Each structure stands twice: as structure tokens, then as C-alpha cells.
C-alpha atoms as a PDB file:
ATOM      1  CA  MET A   1      -0.741  25.715  17.179  1.00  0.00           C
ATOM      2  CA  THR A   2       1.874  23.161  17.927  1.00  0.00           C
ATOM      3  CA  ILE A   3       2.242  20.514  15.423  1.00  0.00           C
ATOM      4  CA  VAL A   4       4.264  17.284  16.352  1.00  0.00           C
ATOM      5  CA  PHE A   5       6.315  14.975  13.404  1.00  0.00           C
ATOM      6  CA  HIS A   6       7.334  11.344  14.531  1.00  0.00           C
ATOM      7  CA  SER A   7       8.245   8.937  12.095  1.00  0.00           C
ATOM      8  CA  GLU A   8      11.505   6.296  12.651  1.00  0.00           C
ATOM      9  CA  LEU A   9      11.051   6.057   8.260  1.00  0.00           C
ATOM     10  CA  ASP A  10      10.753   9.414   7.172  1.00  0.00           C
ATOM     11  CA  ASP A  11      13.766  12.537   8.270  1.00  0.00           C
ATOM     12  CA  PRO A  12      12.224  15.180  10.148  1.00  0.00           C
ATOM     13  CA  GLY A  13      15.296  17.559   7.971  1.00  0.00           C
ATOM     14  CA  GLU A  14      13.575  16.928   4.561  1.00  0.00           C
ATOM     15  CA  TRP A  15      10.116  17.261   5.828  1.00  0.00           C
ATOM     16  CA  LEU A  16       9.862  20.357   8.469  1.00  0.00           C
ATOM     17  CA  PRO A  17      11.391  23.251   6.333  1.00  0.00           C
ATOM     18  CA  ARG A  18       9.195  22.305   3.477  1.00  0.00           C
ATOM     19  CA  LEU A  19       6.063  22.367   5.959  1.00  0.00           C
ATOM     20  CA  GLN A  20       6.798  25.563   7.849  1.00  0.00           C
ATOM     21  CA  ALA A  21       7.523  27.330   4.293  1.00  0.00           C
ATOM     22  CA  LEU A  22       4.212  26.368   3.837  1.00  0.00           C
ATOM     23  CA  LEU A  23       2.774  26.723   7.044  1.00  0.00           C
ATOM     24  CA  PRO A  24       4.881  29.982   8.754  1.00  0.00           C
ATOM     25  CA  ASP A  25       2.663  30.866  11.791  1.00  0.00           C
ATOM     26  CA  GLU A  26       2.584  27.125  13.157  1.00  0.00           C
ATOM     27  CA  THR A  27       5.313  25.433  15.826  1.00  0.00           C
ATOM     28  CA  PHE A  28       6.766  22.264  14.645  1.00  0.00           C
ATOM     29  CA  ARG A  29       8.140  19.846  17.090  1.00  0.00           C
ATOM     30  CA  VAL A  30      10.389  16.386  16.097  1.00  0.00           C
ATOM     31  CA  TRP A  31       9.403  13.562  19.263  1.00  0.00           C
ATOM     32  CA  PRO A  32      10.569  13.444  21.544  1.00  0.00           C
ATOM     33  CA  ASP A  33      11.220  17.385  21.908  1.00  0.00           C
ATOM     34  CA  ILE A  34       7.339  17.810  21.864  1.00  0.00           C
ATOM     35  CA  GLY A  35       7.403  20.933  25.000  1.00  0.00           C
ATOM     36  CA  ASP A  36       4.385  20.630  26.377  1.00  0.00           C
ATOM     37  CA  PRO A  37       1.734  18.166  25.455  1.00  0.00           C
ATOM     38  CA  LYS A  38      -1.366  19.902  25.740  1.00  0.00           C
ATOM     39  CA  ASP A  39      -0.265  22.377  23.562  1.00  0.00           C
ATOM     40  CA  VAL A  40      -0.330  19.570  20.993  1.00  0.00           C
ATOM     41  CA  GLU A  41      -3.282  19.745  18.477  1.00  0.00           C
ATOM     42  CA  ILE A  42      -2.036  17.937  15.352  1.00  0.00           C
ATOM     43  CA  ALA A  43      -0.023  14.809  14.766  1.00  0.00           C
ATOM     44  CA  VAL A  44       1.899  14.081  11.700  1.00  0.00           C
ATOM     45  CA  ILE A  45       3.165  10.578  12.413  1.00  0.00           C
ATOM     46  CA  TRP A  46       3.989   7.052  10.678  1.00  0.00           C
ATOM     47  CA  ILE A  47       3.764   4.520  14.463  1.00  0.00           C
ATOM     48  CA  PRO A  48       3.658   6.519  17.008  1.00  0.00           C
ATOM     49  CA  PRO A  49       5.392   5.545  20.175  1.00  0.00           C
ATOM     50  CA  GLU A  50       2.896   3.558  22.368  1.00  0.00           C
ATOM     51  CA  GLY A  51       0.916   5.449  24.400  1.00  0.00           C
ATOM     52  CA  ALA A  52       2.325   8.808  23.123  1.00  0.00           C
ATOM     53  CA  LEU A  53      -0.988  10.341  21.500  1.00  0.00           C
ATOM     54  CA  ALA A  54      -2.252  10.059  25.196  1.00  0.00           C
ATOM     55  CA  SER A  55      -0.990  13.110  26.664  1.00  0.00           C
ATOM     56  CA  PHE A  56      -2.227  15.571  23.753  1.00  0.00           C
ATOM     57  CA  THR A  57      -5.667  16.478  25.452  1.00  0.00           C
ATOM     58  CA  ASN A  58      -6.063  18.878  22.913  1.00  0.00           C
ATOM     59  CA  LEU A  59      -5.269  17.028  20.047  1.00  0.00           C
ATOM     60  CA  LYS A  60      -7.785  18.065  16.649  1.00  0.00           C
ATOM     61  CA  ALA A  61      -5.905  15.680  14.288  1.00  0.00           C
ATOM     62  CA  VAL A  62      -3.352  13.009  13.442  1.00  0.00           C
ATOM     63  CA  GLN A  63      -1.827  13.184   9.510  1.00  0.00           C
ATOM     64  CA  SER A  64      -0.814   9.268   8.965  1.00  0.00           C
ATOM     65  CA  LEU A  65       2.912   9.229   7.159  1.00  0.00           C
ATOM     66  CA  GLY A  66       1.943   6.524   5.075  1.00  0.00           C
ATOM     67  CA  ALA A  67      -1.563   5.373   2.327  1.00  0.00           C
ATOM     68  CA  GLY A  68      -2.907   3.678   5.124  1.00  0.00           C
ATOM     69  CA  VAL A  69      -4.245   3.817   8.391  1.00  0.00           C
ATOM     70  CA  ASN A  70      -3.918   0.402  10.098  1.00  0.00           C
ATOM     71  CA  HIS A  71      -0.278   0.747  11.828  1.00  0.00           C
ATOM     72  CA  LEU A  72      -2.895   3.364  13.834  1.00  0.00           C
ATOM     73  CA  PRO A  73      -4.833   2.973  16.839  1.00  0.00           C
ATOM     74  CA  LEU A  74      -7.308   4.248  15.926  1.00  0.00           C
ATOM     75  CA  GLN A  75      -9.885   3.332  18.598  1.00  0.00           C
ATOM     76  CA  THR A  76      -7.956   5.286  20.840  1.00  0.00           C
ATOM     77  CA  PHE A  77      -8.421   8.119  19.283  1.00  0.00           C
ATOM     78  CA  PRO A  78     -11.764  10.444  20.745  1.00  0.00           C
ATOM     79  CA  PRO A  79     -13.924  10.481  18.179  1.00  0.00           C
ATOM     80  CA  HIS A  80     -13.682  14.100  17.419  1.00  0.00           C
ATOM     81  CA  VAL A  81     -10.179  13.772  16.559  1.00  0.00           C
ATOM     82  CA  ARG A  82      -9.497  13.807  12.400  1.00  0.00           C
ATOM     83  CA  ILE A  83      -7.761  11.423  10.956  1.00  0.00           C
ATOM     84  CA  ALA A  84      -6.383  11.427   7.115  1.00  0.00           C
ATOM     85  CA  ARG A  85      -3.924   8.829   5.197  1.00  0.00           C
ATOM     86  CA  LEU A  86      -1.505  10.805   2.944  1.00  0.00           C
ATOM     87  CA  VAL A  87      -2.222   9.701  -0.415  1.00  0.00           C
ATOM     88  CA  ASP A  88      -0.357  12.228  -2.789  1.00  0.00           C
ATOM     89  CA  SER A  89       0.666  12.112  -6.678  1.00  0.00           C
ATOM     90  CA  GLY A  90       4.426  11.490  -5.739  1.00  0.00           C
ATOM     91  CA  LEU A  91       3.192   8.202  -3.800  1.00  0.00           C
ATOM     92  CA  SER A  92       0.663   7.003  -5.917  1.00  0.00           C
ATOM     93  CA  GLY A  93       3.329   7.234  -9.218  1.00  0.00           C
ATOM     94  CA  MET A  94       5.687   5.575  -7.308  1.00  0.00           C
ATOM     95  CA  MET A  95       3.088   2.413  -6.535  1.00  0.00           C
ATOM     96  CA  ALA A  96       1.586   2.675 -10.123  1.00  0.00           C
ATOM     97  CA  ASP A  97       5.657   2.074 -11.085  1.00  0.00           C
ATOM     98  CA  TYR A  98       6.176  -0.605  -8.945  1.00  0.00           C
ATOM     99  CA  GLY A  99       3.044  -2.460 -10.216  1.00  0.00           C
ATOM    100  CA  LEU A 100       3.984  -2.084 -14.124  1.00  0.00           C
ATOM    101  CA  PHE A 101       8.040  -3.269 -12.769  1.00  0.00           C
ATOM    102  CA  ALA A 102       6.279  -6.314 -11.059  1.00  0.00           C
ATOM    103  CA  ALA A 103       3.727  -7.322 -13.955  1.00  0.00           C
ATOM    104  CA  LEU A 104       6.277  -6.466 -16.934  1.00  0.00           C
ATOM    105  CA  ARG A 105       8.723  -8.624 -14.800  1.00  0.00           C
ATOM    106  CA  TYR A 106       6.573 -11.907 -15.273  1.00  0.00           C
ATOM    107  CA  ALA A 107       5.050 -11.158 -18.485  1.00  0.00           C
ATOM    108  CA  ARG A 108       8.760 -10.843 -20.029  1.00  0.00           C
ATOM    109  CA  ASN A 109       9.397 -14.549 -17.798  1.00  0.00           C
ATOM    110  CA  ILE A 110      12.488 -12.412 -16.010  1.00  0.00           C
ATOM    111  CA  ASP A 111      11.634 -14.392 -12.832  1.00  0.00           C
ATOM    112  CA  HIS A 112      12.193 -17.605 -14.964  1.00  0.00           C
ATOM    113  CA  HIS A 113      15.645 -16.365 -16.256  1.00  0.00           C
ATOM    114  CA  GLU A 114      16.468 -15.136 -12.729  1.00  0.00           C
ATOM    115  CA  ARG A 115      16.379 -19.049 -11.650  1.00  0.00           C
ATOM    116  CA  MET A 116      18.070 -19.977 -14.702  1.00  0.00           C
ATOM    117  CA  GLN A 117      20.732 -17.845 -13.846  1.00  0.00           C
ATOM    118  CA  ARG A 118      21.271 -19.202 -10.332  1.00  0.00           C
ATOM    119  CA  GLU A 119      21.239 -22.779 -11.996  1.00  0.00           C
ATOM    120  CA  ARG A 120      23.945 -21.397 -14.336  1.00  0.00           C
ATOM    121  CA  THR A 121      21.482 -22.807 -17.272  1.00  0.00           C
ATOM    122  CA  TRP A 122      20.473 -21.283 -20.923  1.00  0.00           C
ATOM    123  CA  ASP A 123      17.344 -21.409 -20.905  1.00  0.00           C
ATOM    124  CA  TRP A 124      15.718 -19.483 -24.455  1.00  0.00           C
ATOM    125  CA  VAL A 125      12.151 -18.954 -23.718  1.00  0.00           C
ATOM    126  CA  MET A 126       9.970 -17.656 -26.345  1.00  0.00           C
ATOM    127  CA  PRO A 127       9.293 -13.392 -25.488  1.00  0.00           C
ATOM    128  CA  ARG A 128       5.593 -12.963 -25.488  1.00  0.00           C
ATOM    129  CA  LEU A 129       3.249  -9.547 -26.021  1.00  0.00           C
ATOM    130  CA  LEU A 130       1.632  -7.889 -22.927  1.00  0.00           C
ATOM    131  CA  SER A 131      -1.733  -7.778 -24.583  1.00  0.00           C
ATOM    132  CA  SER A 132      -1.148 -11.460 -23.618  1.00  0.00           C
ATOM    133  CA  CYS A 133      -0.833 -11.280 -19.826  1.00  0.00           C
ATOM    134  CA  PRO A 134      -3.475 -10.278 -18.541  1.00  0.00           C
ATOM    135  CA  VAL A 135      -3.220  -8.189 -14.690  1.00  0.00           C
ATOM    136  CA  GLY A 136      -5.915  -7.823 -12.160  1.00  0.00           C
ATOM    137  CA  VAL A 137      -6.092  -4.737  -9.441  1.00  0.00           C
ATOM    138  CA  MET A 138      -7.597  -5.255  -6.452  1.00  0.00           C
ATOM    139  CA  GLY A 139      -8.388  -2.220  -4.683  1.00  0.00           C
ATOM    140  CA  LEU A 140      -9.442   0.828  -6.911  1.00  0.00           C
ATOM    141  CA  GLY A 141      -9.163   3.520  -4.371  1.00  0.00           C
ATOM    142  CA  VAL A 142      -6.399   6.394  -5.413  1.00  0.00           C
ATOM    143  CA  ILE A 143      -3.493   4.380  -6.051  1.00  0.00           C
ATOM    144  CA  GLY A 144      -5.103   1.309  -7.146  1.00  0.00           C
ATOM    145  CA  GLY A 145      -6.953   3.658  -9.826  1.00  0.00           C
ATOM    146  CA  ALA A 146      -3.254   5.120 -10.944  1.00  0.00           C
ATOM    147  CA  THR A 147      -1.927   1.427 -10.753  1.00  0.00           C
ATOM    148  CA  ALA A 148      -4.907   0.594 -13.230  1.00  0.00           C
ATOM    149  CA  LYS A 149      -4.168   3.151 -15.422  1.00  0.00           C
ATOM    150  CA  LYS A 150      -0.349   2.600 -15.794  1.00  0.00           C
ATOM    151  CA  LEU A 151      -0.349  -0.499 -16.481  1.00  0.00           C
ATOM    152  CA  ALA A 152      -3.331  -0.357 -19.550  1.00  0.00           C
ATOM    153  CA  LEU A 153      -1.151   2.544 -20.386  1.00  0.00           C
ATOM    154  CA  ASN A 154       1.396   0.304 -21.134  1.00  0.00           C
ATOM    155  CA  GLY A 155      -0.475  -2.448 -23.276  1.00  0.00           C
ATOM    156  CA  PHE A 156      -1.155  -4.894 -20.527  1.00  0.00           C
ATOM    157  CA  PRO A 157      -5.267  -6.349 -20.194  1.00  0.00           C
ATOM    158  CA  VAL A 158      -6.533  -4.710 -16.866  1.00  0.00           C
ATOM    159  CA  SER A 159      -9.194  -5.434 -15.079  1.00  0.00           C
ATOM    160  CA  GLY A 160     -10.253  -4.143 -11.597  1.00  0.00           C
ATOM    161  CA  TRP A 161     -12.147  -5.295  -8.195  1.00  0.00           C
ATOM    162  CA  ALA A 162     -13.742  -3.242  -5.384  1.00  0.00           C
ATOM    163  CA  ARG A 163     -15.955  -3.488  -2.859  1.00  0.00           C
ATOM    164  CA  SER A 164     -18.443  -1.258  -4.402  1.00  0.00           C
ATOM    165  CA  ARG A 165     -18.681  -0.495  -8.288  1.00  0.00           C
ATOM    166  CA  LYS A 166     -15.545   1.704  -9.833  1.00  0.00           C
ATOM    167  CA  GLU A 167     -15.824   3.273 -12.950  1.00  0.00           C
ATOM    168  CA  ILE A 168     -12.264   3.566 -14.693  1.00  0.00           C
ATOM    169  CA  GLU A 169     -11.998   4.589 -18.191  1.00  0.00           C
ATOM    170  CA  GLY A 170      -9.867   1.512 -20.103  1.00  0.00           C
ATOM    171  CA  ILE A 171     -10.184  -0.715 -17.179  1.00  0.00           C
ATOM    172  CA  THR A 172     -12.902  -3.675 -16.828  1.00  0.00           C
ATOM    173  CA  CYS A 173     -14.178  -2.634 -13.122  1.00  0.00           C
ATOM    174  CA  TYR A 174     -15.850  -5.861 -11.045  1.00  0.00           C
ATOM    175  CA  ALA A 175     -17.515  -5.457  -7.846  1.00  0.00           C
ATOM    176  CA  GLY A 176     -18.461  -7.417  -4.787  1.00  0.00           C
ATOM    177  CA  GLU A 177     -18.076 -11.415  -3.252  1.00  0.00           C
ATOM    178  CA  GLU A 178     -20.564 -12.501  -6.564  1.00  0.00           C
ATOM    179  CA  GLU A 179     -17.911 -10.831  -9.004  1.00  0.00           C
ATOM    180  CA  LEU A 180     -14.562 -11.854  -7.422  1.00  0.00           C
ATOM    181  CA  PRO A 181     -14.378 -15.278  -9.309  1.00  0.00           C
ATOM    182  CA  LYS A 182     -15.039 -14.198 -12.259  1.00  0.00           C
ATOM    183  CA  PHE A 183     -12.634 -11.696 -12.520  1.00  0.00           C
ATOM    184  CA  LEU A 184     -10.261 -13.993 -10.527  1.00  0.00           C
ATOM    185  CA  SER A 185     -10.441 -16.027 -13.563  1.00  0.00           C
ATOM    186  CA  GLU A 186      -9.324 -14.168 -16.430  1.00  0.00           C
ATOM    187  CA  ILE A 187      -5.642 -12.520 -14.547  1.00  0.00           C
ATOM    188  CA  ARG A 188      -2.307 -13.893 -14.625  1.00  0.00           C
ATOM    189  CA  VAL A 189      -0.937 -11.814 -12.630  1.00  0.00           C
ATOM    190  CA  LEU A 190      -2.862 -10.457  -9.635  1.00  0.00           C
ATOM    191  CA  ILE A 191      -2.259  -6.829  -7.669  1.00  0.00           C
ATOM    192  CA  ASN A 192      -3.183  -6.188  -4.010  1.00  0.00           C
ATOM    193  CA  LEU A 193      -3.643  -2.574  -3.575  1.00  0.00           C
ATOM    194  CA  LEU A 194      -6.655  -3.143  -0.782  1.00  0.00           C
ATOM    195  CA  PRO A 195      -6.903  -1.288   2.393  1.00  0.00           C
ATOM    196  CA  LEU A 196      -6.956  -3.658   5.042  1.00  0.00           C
ATOM    197  CA  THR A 197      -9.614  -3.652   7.226  1.00  0.00           C
ATOM    198  CA  ALA A 198     -11.029  -7.024   9.505  1.00  0.00           C
ATOM    199  CA  GLU A 199     -12.855  -7.843   5.798  1.00  0.00           C
ATOM    200  CA  THR A 200     -10.083  -7.679   4.262  1.00  0.00           C
ATOM    201  CA  GLU A 201      -7.467  -9.633   6.395  1.00  0.00           C
ATOM    202  CA  GLY A 202      -6.208 -12.482   5.392  1.00  0.00           C
ATOM    203  CA  VAL A 203      -7.997 -11.733   2.113  1.00  0.00           C
ATOM    204  CA  LEU A 204      -4.914 -13.304   0.302  1.00  0.00           C
ATOM    205  CA  SER A 205      -5.790 -17.318   1.327  1.00  0.00           C
ATOM    206  CA  ALA A 206      -6.297 -21.005  -0.097  1.00  0.00           C
ATOM    207  CA  LYS A 207      -9.708 -20.047  -1.368  1.00  0.00           C
ATOM    208  CA  LEU A 208      -8.566 -16.857  -3.276  1.00  0.00           C
ATOM    209  CA  PHE A 209      -5.736 -18.738  -4.863  1.00  0.00           C
ATOM    210  CA  ALA A 210      -8.035 -21.686  -5.771  1.00  0.00           C
ATOM    211  CA  MET A 211      -9.944 -19.255  -8.264  1.00  0.00           C
ATOM    212  CA  LEU A 212      -7.040 -18.381  -9.891  1.00  0.00           C
ATOM    213  CA  PRO A 213      -5.614 -19.771 -13.220  1.00  0.00           C
ATOM    214  CA  LYS A 214      -2.932 -22.334 -12.439  1.00  0.00           C
ATOM    215  CA  GLY A 215       0.500 -20.767 -13.284  1.00  0.00           C
ATOM    216  CA  ALA A 216      -1.069 -17.368 -11.968  1.00  0.00           C
ATOM    217  CA  PHE A 217       1.344 -14.910 -10.071  1.00  0.00           C
ATOM    218  CA  VAL A 218       0.493 -12.492  -6.977  1.00  0.00           C
ATOM    219  CA  VAL A 219       1.602  -9.101  -6.430  1.00  0.00           C
ATOM    220  CA  ASN A 220       0.973  -8.177  -2.393  1.00  0.00           C
ATOM    221  CA  MET A 221       1.668  -4.189  -2.004  1.00  0.00           C
ATOM    222  CA  GLY A 222      -1.077  -3.736   0.156  1.00  0.00           C
ATOM    223  CA  ARG A 223      -0.255  -4.878   4.002  1.00  0.00           C
ATOM    224  CA  GLY A 224       1.153  -7.832   5.236  1.00  0.00           C
ATOM    225  CA  GLY A 225      -1.823  -8.307   7.149  1.00  0.00           C
ATOM    226  CA  HIS A 226      -3.954  -9.591   4.060  1.00  0.00           C
ATOM    227  CA  LEU A 227      -1.383 -12.482   2.902  1.00  0.00           C
ATOM    228  CA  VAL A 228      -1.658 -15.731   4.558  1.00  0.00           C
ATOM    229  CA  ASP A 229       1.728 -17.048   4.389  1.00  0.00           C
ATOM    230  CA  ALA A 230       1.452 -20.649   4.555  1.00  0.00           C
ATOM    231  CA  ASP A 231      -1.240 -20.498   1.692  1.00  0.00           C
ATOM    232  CA  LEU A 232       1.367 -18.638  -0.264  1.00  0.00           C
ATOM    233  CA  ILE A 233       3.449 -20.743   0.322  1.00  0.00           C
ATOM    234  CA  ALA A 234       1.088 -24.426  -0.034  1.00  0.00           C
ATOM    235  CA  ALA A 235      -0.230 -22.973  -3.581  1.00  0.00           C
ATOM    236  CA  ILE A 236       3.480 -22.243  -5.442  1.00  0.00           C
ATOM    237  CA  ASP A 237       4.911 -25.429  -4.003  1.00  0.00           C
ATOM    238  CA  SER A 238       1.839 -27.359  -5.492  1.00  0.00           C
ATOM    239  CA  GLY A 239       2.208 -25.653  -8.910  1.00  0.00           C
ATOM    240  CA  HIS A 240      -0.937 -24.101  -8.758  1.00  0.00           C
ATOM    241  CA  LEU A 241       0.669 -20.433  -8.374  1.00  0.00           C
ATOM    242  CA  GLY A 242       3.919 -19.306 -10.277  1.00  0.00           C
ATOM    243  CA  GLY A 243       4.712 -17.224  -7.865  1.00  0.00           C
ATOM    244  CA  ALA A 244       5.010 -13.929  -5.908  1.00  0.00           C
ATOM    245  CA  THR A 245       6.345 -10.421  -5.497  1.00  0.00           C
ATOM    246  CA  LEU A 246       6.028  -9.582  -1.592  1.00  0.00           C
ATOM    247  CA  ASP A 247       6.723  -5.757  -0.779  1.00  0.00           C
ATOM    248  CA  VAL A 248       4.677  -6.057   2.484  1.00  0.00           C
ATOM    249  CA  PHE A 249       4.911  -8.386   5.671  1.00  0.00           C
ATOM    250  CA  ARG A 250       3.504  -9.299   9.340  1.00  0.00           C
ATOM    251  CA  PRO A 251       5.786  -9.141  10.789  1.00  0.00           C
ATOM    252  CA  GLU A 252       8.433  -6.532   8.923  1.00  0.00           C
ATOM    253  CA  PRO A 253      10.907  -7.587   8.369  1.00  0.00           C
ATOM    254  CA  PRO A 254      10.067 -11.352   8.883  1.00  0.00           C
ATOM    255  CA  PRO A 255      11.692 -13.286  10.904  1.00  0.00           C
ATOM    256  CA  PRO A 256      15.568 -15.164   9.570  1.00  0.00           C
ATOM    257  CA  GLU A 257      13.816 -18.335   9.808  1.00  0.00           C
ATOM    258  CA  HIS A 258      10.478 -17.745   7.399  1.00  0.00           C
ATOM    259  CA  PRO A 259      10.107 -19.572   4.166  1.00  0.00           C
ATOM    260  CA  PHE A 260      10.192 -16.109   2.637  1.00  0.00           C
ATOM    261  CA  TRP A 261      13.653 -15.340   2.240  1.00  0.00           C
ATOM    262  CA  THR A 262      15.236 -18.684   0.631  1.00  0.00           C
ATOM    263  CA  HIS A 263      11.533 -19.293  -1.604  1.00  0.00           C
ATOM    264  CA  PRO A 264      13.330 -19.788  -5.247  1.00  0.00           C
ATOM    265  CA  ARG A 265       9.730 -18.546  -6.575  1.00  0.00           C
ATOM    266  CA  ILE A 266       9.070 -15.602  -4.054  1.00  0.00           C
ATOM    267  CA  LEU A 267      10.530 -11.387  -4.464  1.00  0.00           C
ATOM    268  CA  MET A 268      10.791 -10.034  -1.878  1.00  0.00           C
ATOM    269  CA  THR A 269      11.357  -6.110  -1.189  1.00  0.00           C
ATOM    270  CA  PRO A 270      11.717  -4.356   2.188  1.00  0.00           C
ATOM    271  CA  HIS A 271       8.453  -2.090   2.198  1.00  0.00           C
ATOM    272  CA  ILE A 272       9.820   0.068  -1.349  1.00  0.00           C
ATOM    273  CA  ALA A 273       6.889   0.389  -3.192  1.00  0.00           C
ATOM    274  CA  GLY A 274       6.271   3.969  -2.361  1.00  0.00           C
ATOM    275  CA  THR A 275       6.369   6.297  -0.079  1.00  0.00           C
ATOM    276  CA  GLY A 276       5.640  10.377   0.808  1.00  0.00           C
ATOM    277  CA  ASP A 277       8.057  12.363  -1.080  1.00  0.00           C
ATOM    278  CA  PRO A 278       8.480  15.867   1.073  1.00  0.00           C
ATOM    279  CA  ASP A 279       8.552  17.847  -2.272  1.00  0.00           C
ATOM    280  CA  SER A 280       4.792  16.772  -3.304  1.00  0.00           C
ATOM    281  CA  ALA A 281       3.656  14.866  -0.024  1.00  0.00           C
ATOM    282  CA  ALA A 282       4.621  18.406   2.021  1.00  0.00           C
ATOM    283  CA  GLN A 283       1.966  20.300   0.143  1.00  0.00           C
ATOM    284  CA  VAL A 284      -0.943  17.943   1.173  1.00  0.00           C
ATOM    285  CA  VAL A 285      -0.233  17.854   4.872  1.00  0.00           C
ATOM    286  CA  ALA A 286       0.275  21.337   4.728  1.00  0.00           C
ATOM    287  CA  GLU A 287      -3.167  21.456   3.269  1.00  0.00           C
ATOM    288  CA  ASN A 288      -4.935  18.905   5.424  1.00  0.00           C
ATOM    289  CA  ILE A 289      -3.189  21.335   9.184  1.00  0.00           C
ATOM    290  CA  LYS A 290      -5.354  24.026   7.552  1.00  0.00           C
ATOM    291  CA  ARG A 291      -8.615  21.870   7.272  1.00  0.00           C
ATOM    292  CA  ALA A 292      -7.927  20.614  10.459  1.00  0.00           C
ATOM    293  CA  LYS A 293      -7.293  23.789  11.660  1.00  0.00           C
ATOM    294  CA  ARG A 294     -10.773  25.074  10.653  1.00  0.00           C
ATOM    295  CA  GLY A 295     -12.216  22.055  11.267  1.00  0.00           C
ATOM    296  CA  GLU A 296     -13.259  21.397   7.925  1.00  0.00           C
ATOM    297  CA  PRO A 297     -12.744  17.690   6.314  1.00  0.00           C
ATOM    298  CA  MET A 298      -9.630  16.734   5.504  1.00  0.00           C
ATOM    299  CA  MET A 299      -8.252  15.332   2.246  1.00  0.00           C
ATOM    300  CA  ASN A 300      -8.545  11.911   2.136  1.00  0.00           C
ATOM    301  CA  GLU A 301      -9.863  11.929   5.685  1.00  0.00           C
ATOM    302  CA  VAL A 302     -10.690   8.564   7.558  1.00  0.00           C
ATOM    303  CA  ASP A 303     -14.305   6.581   7.966  1.00  0.00           C
ATOM    304  CA  ARG A 304     -13.847   5.016  11.186  1.00  0.00           C
ATOM    305  CA  ALA A 305     -16.438   2.845  10.538  1.00  0.00           C
ATOM    306  CA  ARG A 306     -14.855   1.020   7.330  1.00  0.00           C
ATOM    307  CA  GLY A 307     -11.806   1.542   8.755  1.00  0.00           C
ATOM    308  CA  TYR A 308     -10.019   3.287   6.019  1.00  0.00           C
END
């Protein structure tokens, strides 16, 4: 079996020795040195070159190197090709850490002190306990659940919302459109970790922001397509939202003239909330390759009807 690896973000020099050690009988190639395309049965990829996968006529499975698959042309894959997201303990832990960092920054008014420093203003603000800063997590899958648990363990009151009912110990869980307003009305920091689908695209919009309490903060760790940029800026400039932390954008990076770059109440980070660490993630990828080879369902396999 030939397995092709391609990613502009991940170093094959770190991944391939680990994968080869776990799968010593398999042949690995790094794009564009793929050999005969007909030999390729598995693709381990982030964003494939346009049209590249079409030449793999014997493709059996695709392993994404990201937690999402909205960057993959799912509609072009034959029905028999299995597709899996990458979810491992290292990635989930990093994402949860980022969510905790963002919540702590707002709970302790660090964003305010950053602005005061730029203005050379000494402004003492009474610190508050974390218990007075309720946090809500949208999306309660593996990563969302891990983030909610870490926040709760660190003293935040945490609630979560998902399209379908979830139960997580220590987390107040809401589900469905009818429970969304109640969920949003009770939180100070909203963290988005929903998958990006046709139903969730643009979910972070003026309609949703209006349901948040005045002064609430938004943290987008999902995908850039979740956010309506102009609505966020309008909600912050009107004083309804206190600010935002953004790790994902549409496009990435935003163009130099985009107002996010200079907005005093928006913190931007370059899609660094979490990434698959080769030491832990290679084991997940190797197991999925074994399953695909045997014709078995892969871990975190994508349901094409749902889009994730």
C-alpha cells in the first residue's frame, strides 16, 4: 500500500519516521514525489493541491491532518472513500489550553490592562473571582468537551450548547435552537468550537450577538466561516460586546486592510490554538490507516450527510 503525505503546515520529517515505525510494511511518499498515482490508496493531508486527489484512482481513505474537514472537497470524493478527522489527546489538550487562556484573559481584565498600557494609563481595576465569569462553549464534541471540562476544573462556571443533547459531568448542557437563547443569556465569555457546516456557517452573527449579555466576549476557535466579520465589529463598536479573541479567519490571513488588524478590542492569533502533535497524533493516524486497509470504519470518520 502506498500512502501519500501532503501538508504545507506539517513537517514530513517529523511525521514520516513516526508513521513508518508504526507501519513498517507500508510505503510512504511525500507530495509531489508520489510515484504511480494508481498505487496510492491512502492520503494523509491538510489542504490538497487543487485536483490532486483525482489522479488517485484507487484511493480508499483520506486522513485529515486537522480536526475539521471543511477544507477538503468532500463532494468530489467517491462514496466508497472513507474520510477521517484528526482528533488526538495532544490536539484536544492544546485547544482546551487556548480556551482557558482566552477565558482567563477576560475574567482578569487583562485585555483592559493591555489597552491601558498602550495609552500609558495606570488604571487599577478590582480583580474578580473566576466563579463570577460564566463561560459558554458552543460545540461539545471531543475538543469542545475537553475545553469545557478544563474550564470547569479551573473554577469557571461552564455551560455548553450543541445541536443534539449531550451530557458532561459538571457542565450545564443545552441543545437545539429552542435552548440557544437561554444558553447565551447566561454567559460572559462565548467560545465557539462548532464544526463548520452549511447549517453553522455564519452562526456568529448579529442575531446571535444580540442574545448575549451586554459586555460579553466572543472567542472563535472553530473556523473563520462561522463568523460574520462586519457583525462582530458592529457589535463591539456599539458597546454591546466587550471584545473578541480570534484564531481563525476567512481568508487566512486576513488582507492587510482588514479592520481586525488594528481594532483595539480584538486579539488575533494565526490559527495556533491547536495542532496535531506527531508524537501522539501519529498513533491515531497509523491506527486509522490499519482500519482503512481492513475496510473498517475509521476513528472520527466523517458523516458526509452532516459534513463532519
